[in-house]
């Protein structure tokens, strides 16, 4: 499960394991250089991109929706 796919400002403080799907125009030291649709994880005070295969399903907690990874991005 990810916390959100709408948060566009990299959180100043995140807990290890917090996951987000980056929206268009995401900003921040790490997020600003990455692509829309990247799944990112807070880890040891930093951020890493998590590779997600086509067909992966993710629960988006702040919208209570399930999205699937498609070749063109994430879809409901």
PDB file of N, CA and C in Angstrom:
ATOM      1  N   UNK A   1       0.837  -1.186   0.000  1.00  0.00           N
ATOM      2  CA  UNK A   1       0.000   0.000   0.000  1.00  0.00           C
ATOM      3  C   UNK A   1       0.880   1.247   0.000  1.00  0.00           C
ATOM      4  N   UNK A   2       0.466   2.267  -0.734  1.00  0.00           N
ATOM      5  CA  UNK A   2       1.153   3.555  -0.726  1.00  0.00           C
ATOM      6  C   UNK A   2       0.296   4.556   0.040  1.00  0.00           C
ATOM      7  N   UNK A   3       0.931   5.565   0.602  1.00  0.00           N
ATOM      8  CA  UNK A   3       0.184   6.584   1.329  1.00  0.00           C
ATOM      9  C   UNK A   3      -0.614   7.469   0.387  1.00  0.00           C
ATOM     10  N   UNK A   4      -0.014   7.811  -0.767  1.00  0.00           N
ATOM     11  CA  UNK A   4      -0.683   8.733  -1.690  1.00  0.00           C
ATOM     12  C   UNK A   4      -0.042   8.666  -3.063  1.00  0.00           C
ATOM     13  N   UNK A   5      -0.785   9.098  -4.050  1.00  0.00           N
ATOM     14  CA  UNK A   5      -0.200   9.354  -5.374  1.00  0.00           C
ATOM     15  C   UNK A   5      -0.507  10.783  -5.810  1.00  0.00           C
ATOM     16  N   UNK A   6      -0.892  11.619  -4.819  1.00  0.00           N
ATOM     17  CA  UNK A   6      -1.189  13.026  -5.080  1.00  0.00           C
ATOM     18  C   UNK A   6      -0.245  13.983  -4.373  1.00  0.00           C
ATOM     19  N   UNK A   7       0.476  13.523  -3.360  1.00  0.00           N
ATOM     20  CA  UNK A   7       1.420  14.389  -2.640  1.00  0.00           C
ATOM     21  C   UNK A   7       2.554  14.729  -3.606  1.00  0.00           C
ATOM     22  N   UNK A   8       2.736  16.028  -3.876  1.00  0.00           N
ATOM     23  CA  UNK A   8       3.742  16.421  -4.864  1.00  0.00           C
ATOM     24  C   UNK A   8       4.966  17.095  -4.262  1.00  0.00           C
ATOM     25  N   UNK A   9       4.986  17.266  -2.938  1.00  0.00           N
ATOM     26  CA  UNK A   9       6.145  17.850  -2.258  1.00  0.00           C
ATOM     27  C   UNK A   9       6.747  16.764  -1.368  1.00  0.00           C
ATOM     28  N   UNK A  10       7.993  16.459  -1.603  1.00  0.00           N
ATOM     29  CA  UNK A  10       8.687  15.442  -0.822  1.00  0.00           C
ATOM     30  C   UNK A  10       8.582  15.769   0.665  1.00  0.00           C
ATOM     31  N   UNK A  11       8.061  14.848   1.491  1.00  0.00           N
ATOM     32  CA  UNK A  11       7.944  15.119   2.927  1.00  0.00           C
ATOM     33  C   UNK A  11       9.309  15.392   3.566  1.00  0.00           C
ATOM     34  N   UNK A  12       9.363  16.385   4.449  1.00  0.00           N
ATOM     35  CA  UNK A  12      10.608  16.711   5.144  1.00  0.00           C
ATOM     36  C   UNK A  12      11.011  15.580   6.076  1.00  0.00           C
ATOM     37  N   UNK A  13      10.019  14.944   6.678  1.00  0.00           N
ATOM     38  CA  UNK A  13      10.281  13.807   7.557  1.00  0.00           C
ATOM     39  C   UNK A  13       9.333  12.687   7.168  1.00  0.00           C
ATOM     40  N   UNK A  14       9.896  11.501   6.962  1.00  0.00           N
ATOM     41  CA  UNK A  14       9.086  10.334   6.625  1.00  0.00           C
ATOM     42  C   UNK A  14       9.609   9.154   7.428  1.00  0.00           C
ATOM     43  N   UNK A  15       8.734   8.220   7.696  1.00  0.00           N
ATOM     44  CA  UNK A  15       9.121   7.012   8.404  1.00  0.00           C
ATOM     45  C   UNK A  15       9.637   5.977   7.417  1.00  0.00           C
ATOM     46  N   UNK A  16      10.624   5.205   7.849  1.00  0.00           N
ATOM     47  CA  UNK A  16      11.109   4.124   6.989  1.00  0.00           C
ATOM     48  C   UNK A  16       9.926   3.276   6.534  1.00  0.00           C
ATOM     49  N   UNK A  17       9.887   3.016   5.256  1.00  0.00           N
ATOM     50  CA  UNK A  17       8.815   2.200   4.698  1.00  0.00           C
ATOM     51  C   UNK A  17       7.667   2.984   4.097  1.00  0.00           C
ATOM     52  N   UNK A  18       7.599   4.311   4.339  1.00  0.00           N
ATOM     53  CA  UNK A  18       6.543   5.112   3.717  1.00  0.00           C
ATOM     54  C   UNK A  18       6.691   5.031   2.198  1.00  0.00           C
ATOM     55  N   UNK A  19       5.602   4.749   1.519  1.00  0.00           N
ATOM     56  CA  UNK A  19       5.603   4.610   0.062  1.00  0.00           C
ATOM     57  C   UNK A  19       4.690   5.649  -0.576  1.00  0.00           C
ATOM     58  N   UNK A  20       5.126   6.178  -1.717  1.00  0.00           N
ATOM     59  CA  UNK A  20       4.339   7.127  -2.501  1.00  0.00           C
ATOM     60  C   UNK A  20       4.501   6.797  -3.974  1.00  0.00           C
ATOM     61  N   UNK A  21       3.480   7.113  -4.770  1.00  0.00           N
ATOM     62  CA  UNK A  21       3.602   7.134  -6.225  1.00  0.00           C
ATOM     63  C   UNK A  21       3.697   8.603  -6.592  1.00  0.00           C
ATOM     64  N   UNK A  22       4.738   8.965  -7.321  1.00  0.00           N
ATOM     65  CA  UNK A  22       4.960  10.382  -7.625  1.00  0.00           C
ATOM     66  C   UNK A  22       3.983  10.892  -8.677  1.00  0.00           C
ATOM     67  N   UNK A  23       3.344  12.034  -8.403  1.00  0.00           N
ATOM     68  CA  UNK A  23       2.502  12.678  -9.408  1.00  0.00           C
ATOM     69  C   UNK A  23       3.369  13.552 -10.324  1.00  0.00           C
ATOM     70  N   UNK A  24       2.771  14.090 -11.355  1.00  0.00           N
ATOM     71  CA  UNK A  24       3.468  15.029 -12.229  1.00  0.00           C
ATOM     72  C   UNK A  24       3.917  16.235 -11.424  1.00  0.00           C
ATOM     73  N   UNK A  25       5.108  16.723 -11.692  1.00  0.00           N
ATOM     74  CA  UNK A  25       5.598  17.937 -11.050  1.00  0.00           C
ATOM     75  C   UNK A  25       6.060  17.769  -9.625  1.00  0.00           C
ATOM     76  N   UNK A  26       6.350  16.543  -9.194  1.00  0.00           N
ATOM     77  CA  UNK A  26       6.811  16.332  -7.817  1.00  0.00           C
ATOM     78  C   UNK A  26       8.108  17.094  -7.577  1.00  0.00           C
ATOM     79  N   UNK A  27       8.241  17.650  -6.368  1.00  0.00           N
ATOM     80  CA  UNK A  27       9.413  18.448  -6.034  1.00  0.00           C
ATOM     81  C   UNK A  27      10.088  17.919  -4.775  1.00  0.00           C
ATOM     82  N   UNK A  28      11.356  18.261  -4.640  1.00  0.00           N
ATOM     83  CA  UNK A  28      12.144  17.860  -3.477  1.00  0.00           C
ATOM     84  C   UNK A  28      13.516  17.429  -3.933  1.00  0.00           C
ATOM     85  N   UNK A  29      14.427  17.273  -2.992  1.00  0.00           N
ATOM     86  CA  UNK A  29      15.809  16.932  -3.322  1.00  0.00           C
ATOM     87  C   UNK A  29      15.901  15.645  -4.131  1.00  0.00           C
ATOM     88  N   UNK A  30      15.152  14.624  -3.756  1.00  0.00           N
ATOM     89  CA  UNK A  30      15.153  13.367  -4.511  1.00  0.00           C
ATOM     90  C   UNK A  30      14.009  13.343  -5.522  1.00  0.00           C
ATOM     91  N   UNK A  31      12.813  13.647  -5.054  1.00  0.00           N
ATOM     92  CA  UNK A  31      11.637  13.533  -5.904  1.00  0.00           C
ATOM     93  C   UNK A  31      11.708  14.405  -7.148  1.00  0.00           C
ATOM     94  N   UNK A  32      12.320  15.571  -7.041  1.00  0.00           N
ATOM     95  CA  UNK A  32      12.363  16.510  -8.163  1.00  0.00           C
ATOM     96  C   UNK A  32      13.077  15.978  -9.387  1.00  0.00           C
ATOM     97  N   UNK A  33      13.952  15.018  -9.206  1.00  0.00           N
ATOM     98  CA  UNK A  33      14.700  14.458 -10.335  1.00  0.00           C
ATOM     99  C   UNK A  33      14.126  13.167 -10.875  1.00  0.00           C
ATOM    100  N   UNK A  34      12.999  12.726 -10.324  1.00  0.00           N
ATOM    101  CA  UNK A  34      12.422  11.454 -10.738  1.00  0.00           C
ATOM    102  C   UNK A  34      11.182  11.655 -11.575  1.00  0.00           C
ATOM    103  N   UNK A  35      10.643  10.573 -12.094  1.00  0.00           N
ATOM    104  CA  UNK A  35       9.559  10.641 -13.070  1.00  0.00           C
ATOM    105  C   UNK A  35       8.179  10.437 -12.453  1.00  0.00           C
ATOM    106  N   UNK A  36       7.191  11.040 -13.091  1.00  0.00           N
ATOM    107  CA  UNK A  36       5.803  10.792 -12.722  1.00  0.00           C
ATOM    108  C   UNK A  36       5.548   9.285 -12.766  1.00  0.00           C
ATOM    109  N   UNK A  37       4.891   8.770 -11.744  1.00  0.00           N
ATOM    110  CA  UNK A  37       4.565   7.354 -11.707  1.00  0.00           C
ATOM    111  C   UNK A  37       5.579   6.494 -10.987  1.00  0.00           C
ATOM    112  N   UNK A  38       6.762   7.062 -10.673  1.00  0.00           N
ATOM    113  CA  UNK A  38       7.737   6.282  -9.904  1.00  0.00           C
ATOM    114  C   UNK A  38       7.161   5.960  -8.532  1.00  0.00           C
ATOM    115  N   UNK A  39       7.382   4.737  -8.075  1.00  0.00           N
ATOM    116  CA  UNK A  39       7.017   4.369  -6.716  1.00  0.00           C
ATOM    117  C   UNK A  39       8.268   4.563  -5.878  1.00  0.00           C
ATOM    118  N   UNK A  40       8.163   5.350  -4.811  1.00  0.00           N
ATOM    119  CA  UNK A  40       9.335   5.694  -3.997  1.00  0.00           C
ATOM    120  C   UNK A  40       9.093   5.304  -2.542  1.00  0.00           C
ATOM    121  N   UNK A  41      10.190   4.958  -1.863  1.00  0.00           N
ATOM    122  CA  UNK A  41      10.120   4.474  -0.483  1.00  0.00           C
ATOM    123  C   UNK A  41      11.110   5.239   0.377  1.00  0.00           C
ATOM    124  N   UNK A  42      10.647   5.675   1.558  1.00  0.00           N
ATOM    125  CA  UNK A  42      11.546   6.290   2.531  1.00  0.00           C
ATOM    126  C   UNK A  42      12.387   5.179   3.156  1.00  0.00           C
ATOM    127  N   UNK A  43      13.696   5.420   3.213  1.00  0.00           N
ATOM    128  CA  UNK A  43      14.610   4.402   3.725  1.00  0.00           C
ATOM    129  C   UNK A  43      15.849   5.050   4.314  1.00  0.00           C
ATOM    130  N   UNK A  44      16.076   4.848   5.604  1.00  0.00           N
ATOM    131  CA  UNK A  44      17.291   5.326   6.291  1.00  0.00           C
ATOM    132  C   UNK A  44      17.525   6.813   6.094  1.00  0.00           C
ATOM    133  N   UNK A  45      16.469   7.610   6.149  1.00  0.00           N
ATOM    134  CA  UNK A  45      16.595   9.055   6.023  1.00  0.00           C
ATOM    135  C   UNK A  45      16.650   9.562   4.598  1.00  0.00           C
ATOM    136  N   UNK A  46      16.522   8.688   3.620  1.00  0.00           N
ATOM    137  CA  UNK A  46      16.538   9.088   2.213  1.00  0.00           C
ATOM    138  C   UNK A  46      15.376   8.437   1.474  1.00  0.00           C
ATOM    139  N   UNK A  47      15.459   8.486   0.156  1.00  0.00           N
ATOM    140  CA  UNK A  47      14.415   7.939  -0.699  1.00  0.00           C
ATOM    141  C   UNK A  47      15.033   7.037  -1.748  1.00  0.00           C
ATOM    142  N   UNK A  48      14.353   5.947  -2.070  1.00  0.00           N
ATOM    143  CA  UNK A  48      14.771   5.051  -3.148  1.00  0.00           C
ATOM    144  C   UNK A  48      13.570   4.792  -4.046  1.00  0.00           C
ATOM    145  N   UNK A  49      13.852   4.581  -5.322  1.00  0.00           N
ATOM    146  CA  UNK A  49      12.806   4.175  -6.252  1.00  0.00           C
ATOM    147  C   UNK A  49      12.656   2.666  -6.178  1.00  0.00           C
ATOM    148  N   UNK A  50      11.410   2.212  -6.205  1.00  0.00           N
ATOM    149  CA  UNK A  50      11.104   0.786  -6.130  1.00  0.00           C
ATOM    150  C   UNK A  50      10.587   0.342  -7.494  1.00  0.00           C
ATOM    151  N   UNK A  51      11.309  -0.539  -8.177  1.00  0.00           N
ATOM    152  CA  UNK A  51      10.823  -1.006  -9.487  1.00  0.00           C
ATOM    153  C   UNK A  51       9.513  -1.781  -9.329  1.00  0.00           C
ATOM    154  N   UNK A  52       8.561  -1.480 -10.176  1.00  0.00           N
ATOM    155  CA  UNK A  52       7.262  -2.170 -10.136  1.00  0.00           C
ATOM    156  C   UNK A  52       6.956  -2.722 -11.518  1.00  0.00           C
ATOM    157  N   UNK A  53       6.720  -4.020 -11.607  1.00  0.00           N
ATOM    158  CA  UNK A  53       6.428  -4.617 -12.906  1.00  0.00           C
ATOM    159  C   UNK A  53       5.023  -4.278 -13.387  1.00  0.00           C
ATOM    160  N   UNK A  54       4.826  -4.313 -14.686  1.00  0.00           N
ATOM    161  CA  UNK A  54       3.492  -4.158 -15.258  1.00  0.00           C
ATOM    162  C   UNK A  54       2.602  -5.244 -14.652  1.00  0.00           C
ATOM    163  N   UNK A  55       1.416  -4.852 -14.232  1.00  0.00           N
ATOM    164  CA  UNK A  55       0.471  -5.781 -13.626  1.00  0.00           C
ATOM    165  C   UNK A  55       0.439  -5.722 -12.111  1.00  0.00           C
ATOM    166  N   UNK A  56       1.412  -5.041 -11.505  1.00  0.00           N
ATOM    167  CA  UNK A  56       1.436  -4.923 -10.041  1.00  0.00           C
ATOM    168  C   UNK A  56       0.221  -4.125  -9.574  1.00  0.00           C
ATOM    169  N   UNK A  57      -0.357  -4.543  -8.455  1.00  0.00           N
ATOM    170  CA  UNK A  57      -1.498  -3.853  -7.859  1.00  0.00           C
ATOM    171  C   UNK A  57      -1.057  -3.159  -6.585  1.00  0.00           C
ATOM    172  N   UNK A  58      -1.563  -1.941  -6.371  1.00  0.00           N
ATOM    173  CA  UNK A  58      -1.201  -1.154  -5.202  1.00  0.00           C
ATOM    174  C   UNK A  58      -2.460  -0.498  -4.636  1.00  0.00           C
ATOM    175  N   UNK A  59      -2.609  -0.545  -3.322  1.00  0.00           N
ATOM    176  CA  UNK A  59      -3.683   0.178  -2.644  1.00  0.00           C
ATOM    177  C   UNK A  59      -3.189   1.586  -2.340  1.00  0.00           C
ATOM    178  N   UNK A  60      -3.951   2.597  -2.745  1.00  0.00           N
ATOM    179  CA  UNK A  60      -3.632   3.997  -2.456  1.00  0.00           C
ATOM    180  C   UNK A  60      -4.483   4.391  -1.252  1.00  0.00           C
ATOM    181  N   UNK A  61      -3.834   4.532  -0.105  1.00  0.00           N
ATOM    182  CA  UNK A  61      -4.554   4.665   1.160  1.00  0.00           C
ATOM    183  C   UNK A  61      -5.375   5.951   1.282  1.00  0.00           C
ATOM    184  N   UNK A  62      -4.852   7.096   0.805  1.00  0.00           N
ATOM    185  CA  UNK A  62      -5.607   8.339   0.991  1.00  0.00           C
ATOM    186  C   UNK A  62      -6.806   8.460   0.049  1.00  0.00           C
ATOM    187  N   UNK A  63      -6.907   7.577  -0.919  1.00  0.00           N
ATOM    188  CA  UNK A  63      -8.061   7.591  -1.839  1.00  0.00           C
ATOM    189  C   UNK A  63      -8.884   6.319  -1.737  1.00  0.00           C
ATOM    190  N   UNK A  64      -8.384   5.353  -0.966  1.00  0.00           N
ATOM    191  CA  UNK A  64      -9.058   4.069  -0.816  1.00  0.00           C
ATOM    192  C   UNK A  64      -9.381   3.468  -2.180  1.00  0.00           C
ATOM    193  N   UNK A  65      -8.346   3.411  -3.036  1.00  0.00           N
ATOM    194  CA  UNK A  65      -8.515   2.832  -4.367  1.00  0.00           C
ATOM    195  C   UNK A  65      -7.351   1.905  -4.671  1.00  0.00           C
ATOM    196  N   UNK A  66      -7.601   0.971  -5.553  1.00  0.00           N
ATOM    197  CA  UNK A  66      -6.547   0.076  -6.020  1.00  0.00           C
ATOM    198  C   UNK A  66      -6.177   0.507  -7.430  1.00  0.00           C
ATOM    199  N   UNK A  67      -4.871   0.608  -7.673  1.00  0.00           N
ATOM    200  CA  UNK A  67      -4.375   0.967  -8.992  1.00  0.00           C
ATOM    201  C   UNK A  67      -3.473  -0.154  -9.495  1.00  0.00           C
ATOM    202  N   UNK A  68      -3.388  -0.273 -10.806  1.00  0.00           N
ATOM    203  CA  UNK A  68      -2.551  -1.289 -11.450  1.00  0.00           C
ATOM    204  C   UNK A  68      -1.472  -0.599 -12.270  1.00  0.00           C
ATOM    205  N   UNK A  69      -0.290  -1.166 -12.270  1.00  0.00           N
ATOM    206  CA  UNK A  69       0.813  -0.645 -13.078  1.00  0.00           C
ATOM    207  C   UNK A  69       0.603  -1.128 -14.510  1.00  0.00           C
ATOM    208  N   UNK A  70       0.474  -0.204 -15.435  1.00  0.00           N
ATOM    209  CA  UNK A  70       0.341  -0.510 -16.856  1.00  0.00           C
ATOM    210  C   UNK A  70       1.596  -0.013 -17.558  1.00  0.00           C
ATOM    211  N   UNK A  71       1.765  -0.347 -18.790  1.00  0.00           N
ATOM    212  CA  UNK A  71       2.954   0.108 -19.526  1.00  0.00           C
ATOM    213  C   UNK A  71       2.968   1.622 -19.702  1.00  0.00           C
ATOM    214  N   UNK A  72       1.805   2.251 -19.560  1.00  0.00           N
ATOM    215  CA  UNK A  72       1.698   3.696 -19.712  1.00  0.00           C
ATOM    216  C   UNK A  72       1.585   4.435 -18.384  1.00  0.00           C
ATOM    217  N   UNK A  73       1.673   3.735 -17.259  1.00  0.00           N
ATOM    218  CA  UNK A  73       1.567   4.368 -15.952  1.00  0.00           C
ATOM    219  C   UNK A  73       0.621   3.588 -15.059  1.00  0.00           C
ATOM    220  N   UNK A  74       0.047   4.270 -14.077  1.00  0.00           N
ATOM    221  CA  UNK A  74      -0.876   3.652 -13.123  1.00  0.00           C
ATOM    222  C   UNK A  74      -2.310   3.933 -13.544  1.00  0.00           C
ATOM    223  N   UNK A  75      -3.175   2.930 -13.398  1.00  0.00           N
ATOM    224  CA  UNK A  75      -4.568   3.087 -13.781  1.00  0.00           C
ATOM    225  C   UNK A  75      -5.483   2.487 -12.709  1.00  0.00           C
ATOM    226  N   UNK A  76      -6.640   3.100 -12.516  1.00  0.00           N
ATOM    227  CA  UNK A  76      -7.612   2.591 -11.529  1.00  0.00           C
ATOM    228  C   UNK A  76      -8.198   1.276 -11.994  1.00  0.00           C
TER     229      UNK A  76
END
